[in-house]
Amino acid sequence: MYTNHFSLNSMPFENVADPACFFEQGDYSRVLSRMVDSVLAEKGLMVVAGPIGTGKTTLSQKLMVSVPEKTKIIWLGEPPEASEELLLFLTQELEIECQPSGRVFMLRDIKAHLQKLRSEGNRCLLIIDEVHKISEDVLECVRLLNNLEQGRTKLIQILLIGQEEFLLKLAQPHLESFKQRVAWLEAIGTMSPAEVHQYIRHRLKVAGCRSGIFTGEAVQAIVAATRGTPRLVNTFCDRALRVSFEAGKTRVDVDSVRQAADEIGLGSEVFLWLTNHRSEESVQKQEAGGPAVKQVSASRPAASLPPRGAAQPAGRGQPIRSAQESTSWMFPILLLCGSLLLFGSSLWFLFNFAE
């Protein structure tokens, strides 16, 4: 295992939603702070959407350990197929003794239990992941749950997490009523190049790394190939560490990254970046070397040039005449000939006209 080889305490780039590995920088820190504030303020319905592999589930797991202790957390890995299944699941999680006798009655019993929790100083947080798969029937049930209130206070806080397709679903005109009930909506994107550098250092630090394992060039290649998607960064870095370990290297260089890219299907992206990177380096070297060459030519000693007017060996050091210099004497002659021809033609026309 490469953990011993690189003196690590654990696998640094596992693709699991571990709150301990949460990257609390940039958008992730801001979104987490807003989610915690919304739960504390009991604002109700929250939505977080983003592309595949951008850390949405990890964000929800971090939220679960960031809210106050007296918060009943109910987490669903994906939405149920029907609204009755969602309500039945809630009654079981809340330990409500009731029979599944219809949506209206289950909502009544759930509200009564939430009011009891509220009176005891407790909160309830429902998190549903993969909501881009949610049916409109379940979405309507979520709307009804969000309507459970006591005065101005929402009795249950609801966080919906899913891919960007969910935003397209909410944009449909007949779901405008649901969309208006969303307290806040956040779209998460990918990491910037600088954030990828920080993210890799963060994950290695959590795993016990005390020195830089990845070279700067290797990280740049990873940035270009993954485009800042955390899940791809994890997969790429894990494979690159394995490749370097198998090769007996103490650091992950660009060659290890290139081999790892071929193994996970990102070889073309790394090859393209490496080609452009090498071309840019070549241009920079040429630009850096240009002035130096001119300086050497200008600083050549004057003693190496023959004195002005000094005789030079035959055949050597003689100035070479250009083609323009060797034919410059022909121009006046051609001009004179042309003038004489024009003068003769004028006389001929004059005599003929006189006749």
Protein backbone atom coordinates (compact mmCIF):
# COMPACT_ATOMS: atom_id res chain seq x y z
CA MET A 1 0.00 0.00 0.00
CA TYR A 2 1.38 3.40 -0.93
CA THR A 3 0.41 4.98 2.41
CA ASN A 4 3.51 3.54 4.09
CA HIS A 5 5.72 4.44 1.13
CA PHE A 6 4.71 8.12 1.35
CA SER A 7 4.44 8.16 5.18
CA LEU A 8 0.68 8.73 5.22
CA ASN A 9 -1.74 7.80 8.00
CA SER A 10 -4.64 7.05 5.66
CA MET A 11 -5.72 7.05 2.03
CA PRO A 12 -5.89 10.75 1.17
CA PHE A 13 -8.08 10.66 -1.91
CA GLU A 14 -10.88 8.22 -1.16
CA ASN A 15 -14.13 9.12 -2.94
CA VAL A 16 -16.29 8.94 0.17
CA ALA A 17 -18.39 11.67 1.76
CA ASP A 18 -16.17 12.09 4.83
CA PRO A 19 -16.80 15.33 6.76
CA ALA A 20 -13.22 15.16 8.08
CA CYS A 21 -11.96 15.67 4.51
CA PHE A 22 -14.30 18.56 3.78
CA PHE A 23 -12.50 21.32 1.87
CA GLU A 24 -13.65 24.43 3.70
CA GLN A 25 -12.52 26.98 1.10
CA GLY A 26 -14.13 29.08 -1.62
CA ASP A 27 -17.71 28.23 -2.56
CA TYR A 28 -17.82 25.23 -0.23
CA SER A 29 -17.14 27.32 2.85
CA ARG A 30 -19.67 29.96 1.81
CA VAL A 31 -22.43 27.45 0.99
CA LEU A 32 -21.88 25.53 4.24
CA SER A 33 -22.11 28.74 6.24
CA ARG A 34 -25.36 29.70 4.51
CA MET A 35 -26.87 26.25 5.12
CA VAL A 36 -26.04 26.34 8.83
CA ASP A 37 -27.44 29.87 9.15
CA SER A 38 -30.63 28.84 7.35
CA VAL A 39 -31.15 25.88 9.68
CA LEU A 40 -30.57 28.04 12.74
CA ALA A 41 -32.96 30.68 11.41
CA GLU A 42 -35.51 27.96 10.56
CA LYS A 43 -36.12 29.35 7.07
CA GLY A 44 -37.44 26.09 5.63
CA LEU A 45 -36.66 24.91 2.11
CA MET A 46 -33.10 24.98 0.72
CA VAL A 47 -31.74 23.78 -2.64
CA VAL A 48 -28.14 23.03 -3.63
CA ALA A 49 -27.41 21.94 -7.20
CA GLY A 50 -24.26 21.26 -9.18
CA PRO A 51 -22.53 18.97 -11.69
CA ILE A 52 -21.62 15.36 -10.97
CA GLY A 53 -18.73 14.92 -8.57
CA THR A 54 -18.57 18.45 -7.21
CA GLY A 55 -18.89 17.46 -3.54
CA LYS A 56 -22.59 18.04 -2.89
CA THR A 57 -23.03 14.90 -0.79
CA THR A 58 -19.88 15.66 1.21
CA LEU A 59 -21.33 19.12 1.81
CA SER A 60 -24.51 17.59 3.23
CA GLN A 61 -22.50 15.27 5.49
CA LYS A 62 -20.53 18.24 6.77
CA LEU A 63 -23.79 20.07 7.47
CA MET A 64 -24.98 17.15 9.58
CA VAL A 65 -22.05 17.57 11.98
CA SER A 66 -22.24 21.37 11.93
CA VAL A 67 -25.81 21.94 13.11
CA PRO A 68 -26.68 22.14 16.83
CA GLU A 69 -26.79 18.88 18.76
CA LYS A 70 -30.51 19.15 19.46
CA THR A 71 -31.34 18.64 15.78
CA LYS A 72 -33.13 15.53 14.56
CA ILE A 73 -31.50 14.74 11.20
CA ILE A 74 -33.26 12.57 8.63
CA TRP A 75 -31.18 11.74 5.56
CA LEU A 76 -32.41 10.15 2.34
CA GLY A 77 -29.82 9.00 -0.20
CA GLU A 78 -32.35 9.38 -3.00
CA PRO A 79 -36.01 10.37 -3.20
CA PRO A 80 -38.70 7.69 -2.86
CA GLU A 81 -40.95 6.87 -5.78
CA ALA A 82 -44.21 8.08 -4.19
CA SER A 83 -45.27 10.69 -1.65
CA GLU A 84 -46.79 8.07 0.68
CA GLU A 85 -43.38 6.37 0.91
CA LEU A 86 -41.76 9.64 1.96
CA LEU A 87 -44.36 10.27 4.66
CA LEU A 88 -44.15 6.70 5.93
CA PHE A 89 -40.36 6.98 6.10
CA LEU A 90 -40.67 10.19 8.14
CA THR A 91 -43.10 8.63 10.60
CA GLN A 92 -40.69 5.75 11.16
CA GLU A 93 -37.68 8.03 11.61
CA LEU A 94 -39.61 10.26 14.01
CA GLU A 95 -40.95 7.18 15.84
CA ILE A 96 -44.55 8.20 15.33
CA GLU A 97 -47.08 5.50 16.09
CA CYS A 98 -49.59 5.80 13.29
CA GLN A 99 -51.04 3.70 10.54
CA PRO A 100 -50.39 4.58 6.88
CA SER A 101 -53.97 5.75 6.36
CA GLY A 102 -53.50 8.42 3.74
CA ARG A 103 -51.38 11.49 3.14
CA VAL A 104 -53.63 13.92 5.01
CA PHE A 105 -53.63 11.93 8.25
CA MET A 106 -49.89 11.21 8.14
CA LEU A 107 -49.18 14.91 7.62
CA ARG A 108 -51.39 15.69 10.63
CA ASP A 109 -49.50 13.24 12.86
CA ILE A 110 -46.10 14.46 11.60
CA LYS A 111 -47.03 18.07 12.34
CA ALA A 112 -48.15 17.20 15.87
CA HIS A 113 -44.86 15.41 16.55
CA LEU A 114 -42.79 18.27 15.12
CA GLN A 115 -44.65 20.71 17.37
CA LYS A 116 -43.74 18.54 20.33
CA LEU A 117 -40.07 18.53 19.30
CA ARG A 118 -40.23 22.29 18.93
CA SER A 119 -41.64 22.74 22.42
CA GLU A 120 -38.70 20.71 23.77
CA GLY A 121 -36.18 22.97 22.02
CA ASN A 122 -35.36 20.55 19.22
CA ARG A 123 -35.20 21.04 15.47
CA CYS A 124 -35.78 18.67 12.56
CA LEU A 125 -33.71 18.62 9.37
CA LEU A 126 -34.67 16.53 6.33
CA ILE A 127 -31.97 16.05 3.66
CA ILE A 128 -32.84 14.44 0.33
CA ASP A 129 -29.98 13.70 -2.07
CA GLU A 130 -30.18 12.98 -5.81
CA VAL A 131 -33.30 15.15 -6.15
CA HIS A 132 -32.84 15.41 -9.92
CA LYS A 133 -34.56 11.99 -9.86
CA ILE A 134 -37.53 13.22 -7.83
CA SER A 135 -41.06 12.82 -9.17
CA GLU A 136 -43.55 15.66 -9.16
CA ASP A 137 -45.71 13.68 -6.74
CA VAL A 138 -42.91 13.58 -4.16
CA LEU A 139 -42.04 17.21 -4.92
CA GLU A 140 -45.61 18.17 -4.05
CA CYS A 141 -45.27 16.26 -0.78
CA VAL A 142 -42.09 18.22 -0.01
CA ARG A 143 -44.06 21.42 -0.59
CA LEU A 144 -46.72 20.29 1.87
CA LEU A 145 -44.07 19.43 4.47
CA ASN A 146 -42.54 22.87 4.01
CA ASN A 147 -45.96 24.36 4.76
CA LEU A 148 -45.96 22.85 8.28
CA GLU A 149 -45.54 25.93 10.45
CA GLN A 150 -46.02 27.20 13.96
CA GLY A 151 -46.54 30.92 13.74
CA ARG A 152 -43.71 32.20 11.52
CA THR A 153 -41.47 29.24 12.22
CA LYS A 154 -41.02 26.31 9.85
CA LEU A 155 -41.39 23.09 11.82
CA ILE A 156 -39.06 21.15 9.52
CA GLN A 157 -36.00 22.33 7.61
CA ILE A 158 -35.59 20.67 4.21
CA LEU A 159 -32.42 20.50 2.11
CA LEU A 160 -32.67 19.22 -1.46
CA ILE A 161 -29.40 18.28 -3.18
CA GLY A 162 -29.01 17.21 -6.79
CA GLN A 163 -27.56 17.76 -10.21
CA GLU A 164 -28.21 20.82 -12.36
CA GLU A 165 -31.10 19.05 -14.11
CA PHE A 166 -33.18 19.75 -11.01
CA LEU A 167 -32.95 23.48 -11.70
CA LEU A 168 -34.39 22.86 -15.15
CA LYS A 169 -37.26 20.97 -13.54
CA LEU A 170 -37.98 23.87 -11.19
CA ALA A 171 -38.01 26.28 -14.14
CA GLN A 172 -41.19 24.69 -15.49
CA PRO A 173 -44.18 27.06 -15.23
CA HIS A 174 -46.42 24.63 -13.33
CA LEU A 175 -43.78 24.35 -10.56
CA GLU A 176 -43.62 28.10 -9.98
CA SER A 177 -45.54 27.71 -6.72
CA PHE A 178 -42.91 25.31 -5.40
CA LYS A 179 -40.02 27.48 -6.58
CA GLN A 180 -41.40 30.51 -4.76
CA ARG A 181 -41.22 28.59 -1.49
CA VAL A 182 -37.47 27.96 -1.76
CA ALA A 183 -35.78 30.08 0.93
CA TRP A 184 -32.47 30.05 -0.91
CA LEU A 185 -30.97 28.24 -3.87
CA GLU A 186 -27.27 27.71 -4.52
CA ALA A 187 -25.45 26.35 -7.57
CA ILE A 188 -22.04 24.80 -6.94
CA GLY A 189 -19.44 24.76 -9.68
CA THR A 190 -15.99 23.23 -10.06
CA MET A 191 -12.80 24.39 -8.34
CA SER A 192 -10.46 26.99 -9.79
CA PRO A 193 -6.82 26.00 -10.55
CA ALA A 194 -5.67 27.69 -7.33
CA GLU A 195 -8.34 25.83 -5.34
CA VAL A 196 -7.24 22.49 -6.83
CA HIS A 197 -3.70 23.15 -5.57
CA GLN A 198 -5.10 23.96 -2.12
CA TYR A 199 -7.45 20.98 -2.22
CA ILE A 200 -4.66 18.49 -2.95
CA ARG A 201 -2.52 19.93 -0.15
CA HIS A 202 -5.53 19.81 2.20
CA ARG A 203 -6.30 16.15 1.50
CA LEU A 204 -2.65 15.18 1.93
CA LYS A 205 -2.45 17.12 5.18
CA VAL A 206 -5.54 15.37 6.56
CA ALA A 207 -3.83 12.05 5.72
CA GLY A 208 -0.73 13.06 7.69
CA CYS A 209 1.52 14.30 4.89
CA ARG A 210 4.20 16.75 6.06
CA SER A 211 5.87 17.50 2.74
CA GLY A 212 4.89 18.10 -0.85
CA ILE A 213 4.44 14.85 -2.77
CA PHE A 214 3.12 16.22 -6.06
CA THR A 215 5.38 18.39 -8.21
CA GLY A 216 4.00 21.70 -9.45
CA GLU A 217 3.96 20.47 -13.04
CA ALA A 218 2.07 17.33 -12.00
CA VAL A 219 -0.62 19.38 -10.27
CA GLN A 220 -0.98 21.62 -13.33
CA ALA A 221 -1.57 18.56 -15.49
CA ILE A 222 -4.20 17.29 -13.02
CA VAL A 223 -5.94 20.68 -13.08
CA ALA A 224 -6.09 20.66 -16.88
CA ALA A 225 -7.39 17.09 -17.13
CA THR A 226 -10.01 17.20 -14.34
CA ARG A 227 -11.17 20.81 -14.86
CA GLY A 228 -11.49 21.18 -11.11
CA THR A 229 -14.05 18.43 -10.46
CA PRO A 230 -13.30 17.09 -6.93
CA ARG A 231 -14.28 13.48 -7.65
CA LEU A 232 -12.01 13.34 -10.71
CA VAL A 233 -9.20 15.01 -8.77
CA ASN A 234 -9.50 12.31 -6.10
CA THR A 235 -9.46 9.48 -8.64
CA PHE A 236 -6.56 11.00 -10.55
CA CYS A 237 -4.40 11.70 -7.49
CA ASP A 238 -5.02 8.24 -6.04
CA ARG A 239 -3.96 6.56 -9.28
CA ALA A 240 -0.92 8.83 -9.65
CA LEU A 241 0.21 7.93 -6.13
CA ARG A 242 -0.11 4.23 -6.97
CA VAL A 243 1.89 4.65 -10.18
CA SER A 244 4.67 6.53 -8.37
CA PHE A 245 4.72 3.94 -5.60
CA GLU A 246 5.02 1.06 -8.06
CA ALA A 247 7.87 2.90 -9.80
CA GLY A 248 9.68 3.44 -6.50
CA LYS A 249 9.46 7.23 -6.71
CA THR A 250 9.30 9.47 -3.67
CA ARG A 251 7.32 12.17 -5.50
CA VAL A 252 4.57 12.25 -8.08
CA ASP A 253 5.97 13.83 -11.24
CA VAL A 254 4.38 14.58 -14.59
CA ASP A 255 5.43 11.20 -16.01
CA SER A 256 3.49 9.41 -13.27
CA VAL A 257 0.52 11.67 -13.92
CA ARG A 258 0.65 10.90 -17.63
CA GLN A 259 0.65 7.14 -16.97
CA ALA A 260 -2.17 7.48 -14.44
CA ALA A 261 -4.17 9.50 -16.96
CA ASP A 262 -3.90 6.70 -19.51
CA GLU A 263 -5.22 4.23 -16.93
CA ILE A 264 -8.31 6.25 -16.03
CA GLY A 265 -9.19 7.43 -19.53
CA LEU A 266 -7.84 10.98 -19.33
CA GLY A 267 -4.73 10.40 -21.41
CA SER A 268 -5.75 12.66 -24.29
CA GLU A 269 -6.42 15.60 -21.94
CA VAL A 270 -3.00 15.29 -20.31
CA PHE A 271 -1.28 14.78 -23.67
CA LEU A 272 -2.88 17.95 -25.04
CA TRP A 273 -1.91 19.95 -21.96
CA LEU A 274 1.64 18.59 -21.99
CA THR A 275 2.05 19.44 -25.67
CA ASN A 276 0.88 23.03 -25.12
CA HIS A 277 2.96 23.32 -21.96
CA ARG A 278 6.14 22.19 -23.70
CA SER A 279 5.46 24.58 -26.60
CA GLU A 280 5.02 27.49 -24.21
CA GLU A 281 8.26 26.57 -22.44
CA SER A 282 10.10 26.46 -25.77
CA VAL A 283 8.78 29.90 -26.77
CA GLN A 284 9.74 31.36 -23.40
CA LYS A 285 13.27 29.97 -23.70
CA GLN A 286 13.63 31.41 -27.20
CA GLU A 287 12.40 34.81 -26.04
CA ALA A 288 14.78 34.70 -23.09
CA GLY A 289 17.72 33.70 -25.33
CA GLY A 290 17.14 36.33 -28.08
CA PRO A 291 18.51 39.42 -26.30
CA ALA A 292 21.53 37.45 -25.05
CA VAL A 293 22.59 36.58 -28.60
CA LYS A 294 22.26 40.20 -29.71
CA GLN A 295 24.28 41.36 -26.74
CA VAL A 296 27.13 39.00 -27.56
CA SER A 297 27.21 40.23 -31.18
CA ALA A 298 27.22 43.87 -30.13
CA SER A 299 29.94 43.33 -27.55
CA ARG A 300 32.42 41.67 -29.93
CA PRO A 301 35.88 43.36 -29.53
CA ALA A 302 36.65 46.14 -32.04
CA ALA A 303 40.21 44.78 -32.40
CA SER A 304 38.81 41.79 -34.30
CA LEU A 305 37.80 44.14 -37.14
CA PRO A 306 40.53 45.29 -39.60
CA PRO A 307 41.64 48.91 -39.28
CA ARG A 308 39.97 51.36 -41.62
CA GLY A 309 41.93 51.68 -44.85
CA ALA A 310 44.25 48.76 -44.08
CA ALA A 311 45.13 46.39 -46.91
CA GLN A 312 43.40 43.04 -46.78
CA PRO A 313 44.51 39.71 -48.21
CA ALA A 314 43.35 39.08 -51.73
CA GLY A 315 40.13 37.12 -51.88
CA ARG A 316 39.44 37.51 -48.17
CA GLY A 317 37.78 40.30 -46.35
CA GLN A 318 36.88 42.05 -49.63
CA PRO A 319 33.45 43.63 -49.63
CA ILE A 320 30.94 41.65 -51.58
CA ARG A 321 28.98 43.79 -54.01
CA SER A 322 25.30 43.19 -54.12
CA ALA A 323 23.41 42.70 -57.38
CA GLN A 324 21.92 46.17 -56.95
CA GLU A 325 25.39 47.78 -56.71
CA SER A 326 26.78 45.85 -59.71
CA THR A 327 23.94 46.99 -62.02
CA SER A 328 23.49 50.54 -60.75
CA TRP A 329 25.67 51.98 -63.59
CA MET A 330 23.27 50.66 -66.23
CA PHE A 331 20.40 52.92 -65.23
CA PRO A 332 21.80 56.23 -66.64
CA ILE A 333 22.65 54.56 -69.96
CA LEU A 334 19.16 53.12 -70.29
CA LEU A 335 17.67 56.50 -69.45
CA LEU A 336 19.81 58.21 -72.14
CA CYS A 337 18.84 55.64 -74.77
CA GLY A 338 15.18 56.11 -73.96
CA SER A 339 15.48 59.88 -74.26
CA LEU A 340 17.19 59.65 -77.68
CA LEU A 341 14.54 57.24 -78.92
CA LEU A 342 11.79 59.58 -77.79
CA PHE A 343 13.52 62.57 -79.47
CA GLY A 344 13.90 60.66 -82.77
CA SER A 345 10.24 59.66 -82.73
CA SER A 346 9.21 63.26 -82.19
CA LEU A 347 11.26 64.45 -85.18
CA TRP A 348 9.77 61.76 -87.42
CA PHE A 349 6.22 62.77 -86.53
CA LEU A 350 7.09 66.43 -87.02
CA PHE A 351 8.50 65.96 -90.54
CA ASN A 352 5.61 63.73 -91.60
CA PHE A 353 3.09 66.24 -90.30
CA ALA A 354 4.86 69.08 -92.13
CA GLU A 355 4.58 67.20 -95.43
